[in-house]
Amino acid sequence: MERVKVGIIGCGVISNTYIMDIGRLYFNELEIRAVSDLVIEKAKITAEKYHISRAYSIDEILDDSKIELIINLTPPKAHFDLNMKILNAGKHLYCEKPFAMNVDEAMEIAELAKKKKLKVGCAPDTFMGSSIMTCRKLLADGWIGKPLYVNANMMNCGVETWHPSPEPFYQQGGGPIYDMGGYYFTTIVAMFGSVKSVYAVSGKGFSKRKKYIGKQVGREFSVDIPTFYSFIIKTKCGVIVTMNMSFDIWKSTLPLFEIYGTKGTMTVPDPNHHGGTPEIYRKEQKLEKCFGNDNPSDDHFYKIPELEQDVGEYVRGMGVANLATAIKNNTQNTANVELAIHVLEIMTGVMESAATGEAYQMKTCYDKLAGEYLP
């Protein structure tokens, strides 16, 4: 397959991961022709660092007729306007999460793509990685029976210990749901299908935060949005999910992601990562003494080898490569726009429920991934 020529808009922290992983894993499918940023000097620095021949302004990268696919890595608040420009320029689109700020915007992007006969993809693509794919196979094969409940927690102290410009994460368009919810919600939809409803509460632990790295170490900045959410998700197939997501927690021992079934429990690796080893505990381990075994096996979880190639934990670019293949073969990509819209509605539904104090009833659905895996 001839490589799809790619342009990247947004030369922030995440662009480094995309460029490096595309170079080491997906160079047969993708060719990065140019990078661009609102600040042209950032584009030039990135191009020089990774030996990319062209550093463009945004208008220049959209005008390059040889570029077929644009990866949008700009801040979330810029996604809608830029996604529309990319499609109007006749380019296929892969957007970092969240796809847009609300479902109406997402639908407008999808309608334009359909009109232009262009394909659209959206992060996260981690559910396509070795760890989650293995978990989905274990579910399909009945290792824990029928799944009943999920307990998942994304509890950390925010981004200011690793990100040099943390302020946008604590302004409108930021927060733990927009930043991290996509990984967990996409995994839930991939495993169990459509979400039916959500009920949430929220809080804000700190009115001000402090920068710990970068040029302004020690500088305080204001927090404008909730930074803690606790919520319950009901899926259409009956699985009940309890979740906590927060930027206010210095350290937690809560499970990252566990699935409880009629025949056992599965621990799921970090949905933010591509790689990681699932673990299984079967009910037979608990019942050994009940059936006369006075020397039962160790009462612990067993690691299950990944069934796909583990190419690393924090990996980006699989969704872009999959989109490139879909473009060439005229098929639907896996991390597609319909999935992105359903996940975005879960995200905004959680925030709306927390704001109103009422359960949010979902309007969209997406069952194309989970149907073959549900027991």
Protein backbone atom coordinates (compact mmCIF):
# COMPACT_ATOMS: atom_id res chain seq x y z
CA MET A 1 0.00 0.00 0.00
CA GLU A 2 1.29 3.42 -0.93
CA ARG A 3 1.85 5.48 2.19
CA VAL A 4 -0.77 8.11 3.06
CA LYS A 5 0.78 11.55 3.31
CA VAL A 6 0.04 13.15 6.66
CA GLY A 7 0.18 16.66 8.09
CA ILE A 8 0.15 17.41 11.81
CA ILE A 9 -1.37 20.58 13.24
CA GLY A 10 -0.33 21.30 16.82
CA CYS A 11 3.28 20.85 17.96
CA GLY A 12 2.69 20.55 21.71
CA VAL A 13 3.72 17.76 24.09
CA ILE A 14 1.60 15.00 22.52
CA SER A 15 2.96 15.62 19.02
CA ASN A 16 6.28 14.11 20.10
CA THR A 17 4.63 10.78 20.93
CA TYR A 18 2.67 10.69 17.67
CA ILE A 19 5.69 11.49 15.52
CA MET A 20 8.01 9.01 17.26
CA ASP A 21 5.47 6.16 17.24
CA ILE A 22 4.42 6.72 13.63
CA GLY A 23 8.11 6.62 12.74
CA ARG A 24 8.87 3.39 14.58
CA LEU A 25 5.61 1.48 14.10
CA TYR A 26 3.55 2.79 11.18
CA PHE A 27 6.05 4.11 8.63
CA ASN A 28 4.77 1.59 6.04
CA GLU A 29 1.28 3.15 6.19
CA LEU A 30 2.04 6.80 6.94
CA GLU A 31 4.42 9.48 5.74
CA ILE A 32 4.58 12.70 7.77
CA ARG A 33 4.99 15.36 5.10
CA ALA A 34 4.64 18.49 7.24
CA VAL A 35 3.98 19.88 10.71
CA SER A 36 2.22 23.10 11.61
CA ASP A 37 1.43 25.24 14.62
CA LEU A 38 -0.20 28.57 15.36
CA VAL A 39 3.28 29.62 16.53
CA ILE A 40 5.40 28.89 13.46
CA GLU A 41 8.62 28.68 15.50
CA LYS A 42 7.24 25.64 17.35
CA ALA A 43 6.57 23.96 14.01
CA LYS A 44 10.11 24.71 12.83
CA ILE A 45 11.63 23.29 16.03
CA THR A 46 9.53 20.11 15.72
CA ALA A 47 10.37 19.70 12.03
CA GLU A 48 14.08 20.05 12.70
CA LYS A 49 13.99 17.71 15.70
CA TYR A 50 12.33 14.88 13.76
CA HIS A 51 13.81 15.59 10.30
CA ILE A 52 10.45 16.52 8.77
CA SER A 53 11.01 18.52 5.60
CA ARG A 54 8.24 21.10 5.96
CA ALA A 55 7.17 23.46 8.76
CA TYR A 56 4.00 25.23 7.68
CA SER A 57 1.55 27.80 8.89
CA ILE A 58 -1.95 26.41 9.30
CA ASP A 59 -3.09 27.90 5.99
CA GLU A 60 -0.06 26.45 4.22
CA ILE A 61 -0.61 22.92 5.49
CA LEU A 62 -4.27 23.03 4.47
CA ASP A 63 -3.26 24.27 1.00
CA ASP A 64 -0.73 21.49 0.38
CA SER A 65 -2.49 19.33 -2.23
CA LYS A 66 -0.25 16.31 -1.55
CA ILE A 67 -1.37 16.00 2.07
CA GLU A 68 -4.30 13.58 2.30
CA LEU A 69 -4.82 13.33 6.06
CA ILE A 70 -4.47 15.89 8.87
CA ILE A 71 -3.90 14.96 12.52
CA ASN A 72 -5.39 17.67 14.74
CA LEU A 73 -3.41 17.90 18.00
CA THR A 74 -4.51 21.39 19.03
CA PRO A 75 -6.16 22.23 22.40
CA PRO A 76 -9.75 20.90 22.73
CA LYS A 77 -11.44 24.31 22.46
CA ALA A 78 -9.95 24.70 18.95
CA HIS A 79 -11.08 21.30 17.68
CA PHE A 80 -14.45 22.19 16.16
CA ASP A 81 -13.37 25.20 14.09
CA LEU A 82 -10.17 23.54 12.91
CA ASN A 83 -11.86 20.21 12.15
CA MET A 84 -14.32 22.05 9.92
CA LYS A 85 -11.47 23.86 8.14
CA ILE A 86 -9.60 20.60 7.60
CA LEU A 87 -12.63 18.94 6.02
CA ASN A 88 -13.46 22.00 3.92
CA ALA A 89 -9.88 21.84 2.63
CA GLY A 90 -10.62 18.33 1.35
CA LYS A 91 -8.46 16.45 3.87
CA HIS A 92 -9.35 13.34 5.84
CA LEU A 93 -9.26 14.02 9.58
CA TYR A 94 -7.90 12.37 12.71
CA CYS A 95 -8.57 14.41 15.85
CA GLU A 96 -7.23 14.08 19.37
CA LYS A 97 -9.88 13.71 22.05
CA PRO A 98 -12.29 15.20 22.76
CA PHE A 99 -13.70 15.32 19.24
CA ALA A 100 -15.58 18.56 19.99
CA MET A 101 -16.99 20.38 23.01
CA ASN A 102 -20.53 19.07 22.56
CA VAL A 103 -22.57 16.61 20.52
CA ASP A 104 -24.12 19.27 18.26
CA GLU A 105 -20.66 20.35 17.12
CA ALA A 106 -19.64 16.71 16.63
CA MET A 107 -22.71 16.02 14.50
CA GLU A 108 -21.94 19.05 12.35
CA ILE A 109 -18.41 17.75 11.72
CA ALA A 110 -19.77 14.31 10.85
CA GLU A 111 -22.32 15.76 8.42
CA LEU A 112 -19.66 17.82 6.64
CA ALA A 113 -17.38 14.77 6.34
CA LYS A 114 -20.23 12.77 4.81
CA LYS A 115 -21.01 15.58 2.38
CA LYS A 116 -17.36 15.85 1.37
CA LYS A 117 -16.97 12.04 1.22
CA LEU A 118 -14.08 12.20 3.67
CA LYS A 119 -13.19 9.85 6.52
CA VAL A 120 -12.86 10.90 10.13
CA GLY A 121 -11.16 9.28 13.11
CA CYS A 122 -10.76 10.33 16.70
CA ALA A 123 -8.59 9.39 19.66
CA PRO A 124 -8.41 7.43 21.81
CA ASP A 125 -7.18 4.38 19.94
CA THR A 126 -5.84 2.60 23.03
CA PHE A 127 -8.80 0.19 23.00
CA MET A 128 -7.22 -1.24 19.82
CA GLY A 129 -3.98 -2.04 21.67
CA SER A 130 -2.75 -5.37 23.00
CA SER A 131 -4.07 -5.09 26.56
CA ILE A 132 -7.69 -4.12 25.89
CA MET A 133 -7.93 -6.46 22.89
CA THR A 134 -6.84 -9.31 25.15
CA CYS A 135 -9.42 -8.33 27.77
CA ARG A 136 -12.16 -8.28 25.14
CA LYS A 137 -11.14 -11.78 24.01
CA LEU A 138 -11.18 -13.03 27.61
CA LEU A 139 -14.70 -11.63 28.01
CA ALA A 140 -15.82 -13.27 24.77
CA ASP A 141 -14.41 -16.62 25.88
CA GLY A 142 -16.26 -16.47 29.19
CA TRP A 143 -13.31 -16.35 31.58
CA ILE A 144 -15.36 -14.39 34.12
CA GLY A 145 -18.80 -15.46 32.92
CA LYS A 146 -21.39 -12.80 32.28
CA PRO A 147 -20.05 -9.34 33.19
CA LEU A 148 -22.16 -7.64 35.87
CA TYR A 149 -20.30 -4.63 37.25
CA VAL A 150 -17.26 -2.43 36.66
CA ASN A 151 -15.31 -0.36 39.17
CA ALA A 152 -12.92 2.11 37.53
CA ASN A 153 -10.94 5.02 38.96
CA MET A 154 -8.73 7.69 37.43
CA MET A 155 -7.36 9.38 40.55
CA ASN A 156 -4.28 11.58 40.22
CA CYS A 157 -2.88 14.96 41.19
CA GLY A 158 -3.38 16.66 37.83
CA VAL A 159 -0.98 17.61 35.06
CA GLU A 160 1.19 20.33 36.58
CA THR A 161 3.92 17.91 37.68
CA TRP A 162 4.64 16.95 34.03
CA HIS A 163 3.02 19.52 31.70
CA PRO A 164 4.80 22.89 31.26
CA SER A 165 1.52 24.71 30.46
CA PRO A 166 -1.15 23.22 32.76
CA GLU A 167 -3.55 26.18 32.84
CA PRO A 168 -5.88 25.03 29.99
CA PHE A 169 -6.53 21.77 31.84
CA TYR A 170 -8.28 23.78 34.59
CA GLN A 171 -10.30 26.10 32.35
CA GLN A 172 -13.48 25.54 30.34
CA GLY A 173 -12.79 22.69 27.93
CA GLY A 174 -10.42 21.00 30.38
CA GLY A 175 -10.81 18.88 33.49
CA PRO A 176 -10.55 15.14 34.16
CA ILE A 177 -13.57 14.16 32.06
CA TYR A 178 -12.49 15.92 28.85
CA ASP A 179 -8.86 14.96 29.41
CA MET A 180 -9.12 11.32 30.52
CA GLY A 181 -12.75 10.23 30.21
CA GLY A 182 -12.38 9.23 26.59
CA TYR A 183 -9.98 6.38 27.38
CA TYR A 184 -12.26 4.81 29.97
CA PHE A 185 -15.55 5.45 28.17
CA THR A 186 -14.28 4.14 24.83
CA THR A 187 -13.07 0.97 26.57
CA ILE A 188 -16.48 0.53 28.21
CA VAL A 189 -18.27 0.93 24.87
CA ALA A 190 -15.82 -1.43 23.14
CA MET A 191 -16.46 -4.08 25.80
CA PHE A 192 -20.15 -3.67 26.62
CA GLY A 193 -21.75 -1.56 23.92
CA SER A 194 -23.89 1.54 24.28
CA VAL A 195 -24.28 3.54 27.45
CA LYS A 196 -27.91 4.11 28.43
CA SER A 197 -27.65 6.71 31.22
CA VAL A 198 -25.27 8.43 33.64
CA TYR A 199 -25.68 10.02 37.05
CA ALA A 200 -22.87 12.16 38.48
CA VAL A 201 -21.76 14.53 41.21
CA SER A 202 -18.72 16.81 41.06
CA GLY A 203 -16.42 18.88 43.25
CA LYS A 204 -13.38 21.17 43.16
CA GLY A 205 -10.70 20.44 45.73
CA PHE A 206 -8.49 23.48 45.14
CA SER A 207 -9.34 26.97 43.93
CA LYS A 208 -5.70 27.55 42.93
CA ARG A 209 -2.97 25.24 41.65
CA LYS A 210 0.82 25.62 41.41
CA LYS A 211 3.20 24.95 38.52
CA TYR A 212 6.00 22.50 39.36
CA ILE A 213 7.95 22.45 36.08
CA GLY A 214 8.70 24.82 33.21
CA LYS A 215 9.79 28.42 33.16
CA GLN A 216 7.33 29.62 35.81
CA VAL A 217 7.90 27.12 38.62
CA GLY A 218 5.98 28.13 41.73
CA ARG A 219 3.48 30.34 39.89
CA GLU A 220 -0.14 29.87 41.02
CA PHE A 221 -3.10 29.84 38.67
CA SER A 222 -6.87 29.67 39.15
CA VAL A 223 -9.10 26.61 38.78
CA ASP A 224 -12.31 27.47 36.94
CA ILE A 225 -13.98 24.04 36.64
CA PRO A 226 -14.78 20.91 38.69
CA THR A 227 -11.77 18.64 39.17
CA PHE A 228 -13.53 15.67 40.81
CA TYR A 229 -16.39 13.54 39.45
CA SER A 230 -18.07 10.47 40.92
CA PHE A 231 -20.68 8.77 38.76
CA ILE A 232 -22.66 5.68 37.82
CA ILE A 233 -23.03 4.48 34.24
CA LYS A 234 -25.74 2.09 33.12
CA THR A 235 -25.09 0.29 29.86
CA LYS A 236 -27.80 -0.90 27.50
CA CYS A 237 -26.74 -4.53 28.07
CA GLY A 238 -27.17 -4.19 31.85
CA VAL A 239 -23.60 -3.75 33.11
CA ILE A 240 -23.40 -1.14 35.91
CA VAL A 241 -20.23 0.95 36.10
CA THR A 242 -19.13 2.99 39.12
CA MET A 243 -16.34 5.50 38.47
CA ASN A 244 -14.32 8.26 40.08
CA MET A 245 -12.20 10.69 38.06
CA SER A 246 -10.14 13.40 39.71
CA PHE A 247 -7.16 15.77 39.47
CA ASP A 248 -7.24 16.31 43.26
CA ILE A 249 -5.75 13.06 44.57
CA TRP A 250 -2.06 12.79 45.47
CA LYS A 251 -2.14 8.97 45.61
CA SER A 252 -4.83 6.29 45.56
CA THR A 253 -5.03 2.52 46.02
CA LEU A 254 -8.44 2.20 44.36
CA PRO A 255 -8.56 -0.27 41.44
CA LEU A 256 -7.75 1.25 38.08
CA PHE A 257 -10.31 -0.85 36.20
CA GLU A 258 -11.92 -4.09 37.40
CA ILE A 259 -14.72 -6.13 35.85
CA TYR A 260 -16.83 -8.39 38.07
CA GLY A 261 -18.61 -11.31 36.41
CA THR A 262 -20.69 -14.32 37.42
CA LYS A 263 -17.61 -16.59 37.29
CA GLY A 264 -14.78 -14.34 38.36
CA THR A 265 -13.01 -10.97 38.28
CA MET A 266 -10.75 -9.37 35.67
CA THR A 267 -8.28 -6.56 36.32
CA VAL A 268 -7.91 -4.42 33.19
CA PRO A 269 -4.66 -2.52 32.50
CA ASP A 270 -4.67 1.27 32.26
CA PRO A 271 -7.08 2.28 29.43
CA ASN A 272 -4.71 5.18 28.69
CA HIS A 273 -2.07 2.65 27.60
CA HIS A 274 -1.80 0.25 24.67
CA GLY A 275 0.09 -2.46 26.54
CA GLY A 276 -0.34 -4.14 29.91
CA THR A 277 -1.07 -7.58 31.33
CA PRO A 278 -4.66 -8.47 32.33
CA GLU A 279 -5.23 -10.61 35.42
CA ILE A 280 -8.00 -13.11 36.18
CA TYR A 281 -9.45 -14.52 39.40
CA ARG A 282 -11.87 -17.44 38.94
CA LYS A 283 -14.67 -18.45 41.30
CA GLU A 284 -13.22 -21.99 41.41
CA GLN A 285 -10.28 -20.63 43.39
CA LYS A 286 -12.63 -19.39 46.10
CA LEU A 287 -14.70 -22.60 46.14
CA GLU A 288 -11.89 -25.16 46.37
CA LYS A 289 -12.30 -25.72 50.14
CA CYS A 290 -16.06 -26.04 49.73
CA PHE A 291 -15.48 -29.11 47.54
CA GLY A 292 -13.06 -30.86 49.86
CA ASN A 293 -9.67 -29.58 48.72
CA ASP A 294 -7.75 -29.01 51.96
CA ASN A 295 -4.73 -27.67 50.05
CA PRO A 296 -6.21 -25.06 47.72
CA SER A 297 -4.15 -23.16 45.20
CA ASP A 298 -2.90 -19.69 46.02
CA ASP A 299 -5.77 -17.26 46.40
CA HIS A 300 -4.47 -14.68 43.94
CA PHE A 301 -5.02 -13.24 40.47
CA TYR A 302 -3.30 -14.95 37.52
CA LYS A 303 -1.59 -12.94 34.79
CA ILE A 304 -2.84 -13.67 31.27
CA PRO A 305 -0.39 -13.14 28.37
CA GLU A 306 -1.42 -10.56 25.82
CA LEU A 307 -2.72 -12.05 22.57
CA GLU A 308 -1.56 -9.14 20.44
CA GLN A 309 1.92 -7.66 20.10
CA ASP A 310 2.73 -5.33 22.98
CA VAL A 311 4.49 -2.37 21.34
CA GLY A 312 4.73 -0.31 24.52
CA GLU A 313 2.48 1.25 27.11
CA TYR A 314 2.08 4.90 26.11
CA VAL A 315 1.66 4.61 22.33
CA ARG A 316 -0.12 6.85 19.84
CA GLY A 317 -0.76 6.46 16.11
CA MET A 318 -2.56 3.12 15.70
CA GLY A 319 -5.84 4.90 15.01
CA VAL A 320 -4.19 7.06 12.35
CA ALA A 321 -2.68 4.00 10.63
CA ASN A 322 -6.05 2.25 10.77
CA LEU A 323 -7.69 5.32 9.22
CA ALA A 324 -5.09 5.35 6.44
CA THR A 325 -5.91 1.72 5.62
CA ALA A 326 -9.63 2.58 5.58
CA ILE A 327 -8.95 5.45 3.18
CA LYS A 328 -7.06 3.19 0.78
CA ASN A 329 -9.58 0.32 1.00
CA ASN A 330 -12.72 2.47 1.28
CA THR A 331 -13.76 0.74 4.52
CA GLN A 332 -14.80 2.07 7.92
CA ASN A 333 -12.02 2.81 10.37
CA THR A 334 -12.28 1.41 13.90
CA ALA A 335 -11.87 4.61 15.95
CA ASN A 336 -14.55 6.23 13.81
CA VAL A 337 -16.77 9.28 14.04
CA GLU A 338 -19.89 7.40 15.25
CA LEU A 339 -17.95 5.94 18.18
CA ALA A 340 -16.42 9.36 18.91
CA ILE A 341 -19.85 10.99 19.05
CA HIS A 342 -21.24 8.40 21.48
CA VAL A 343 -18.17 8.71 23.74
CA LEU A 344 -18.40 12.51 23.61
CA GLU A 345 -22.05 12.33 24.70
CA ILE A 346 -21.05 10.18 27.68
CA MET A 347 -18.46 12.81 28.62
CA THR A 348 -20.80 15.76 28.31
CA GLY A 349 -23.61 13.74 29.91
CA VAL A 350 -21.51 13.16 33.03
CA MET A 351 -20.79 16.87 33.31
CA GLU A 352 -24.40 17.85 32.66
CA SER A 353 -25.69 15.40 35.26
CA ALA A 354 -23.25 16.76 37.84
CA ALA A 355 -24.36 20.30 37.06
CA THR A 356 -28.12 19.59 37.17
CA GLY A 357 -28.24 16.89 39.85
CA GLU A 358 -30.34 14.70 37.57
CA ALA A 359 -29.56 11.52 35.62
CA TYR A 360 -28.66 12.08 31.98
CA GLN A 361 -30.38 9.84 29.43
CA MET A 362 -28.25 9.08 26.37
CA LYS A 363 -29.57 9.82 22.91
CA THR A 364 -26.87 8.22 20.75
CA CYS A 365 -25.70 4.60 20.71
CA TYR A 366 -22.82 2.51 19.37
CA ASP A 367 -22.81 -1.30 19.56
CA LYS A 368 -20.68 -2.29 16.56
CA LEU A 369 -17.60 -3.21 18.61
CA ALA A 370 -19.14 -4.99 21.57
CA GLY A 371 -21.72 -7.25 19.98
CA GLU A 372 -19.28 -10.00 19.04
CA TYR A 373 -17.67 -9.99 22.48
CA LEU A 374 -20.62 -10.02 24.84
CA PRO A 375 -21.33 -13.49 26.32
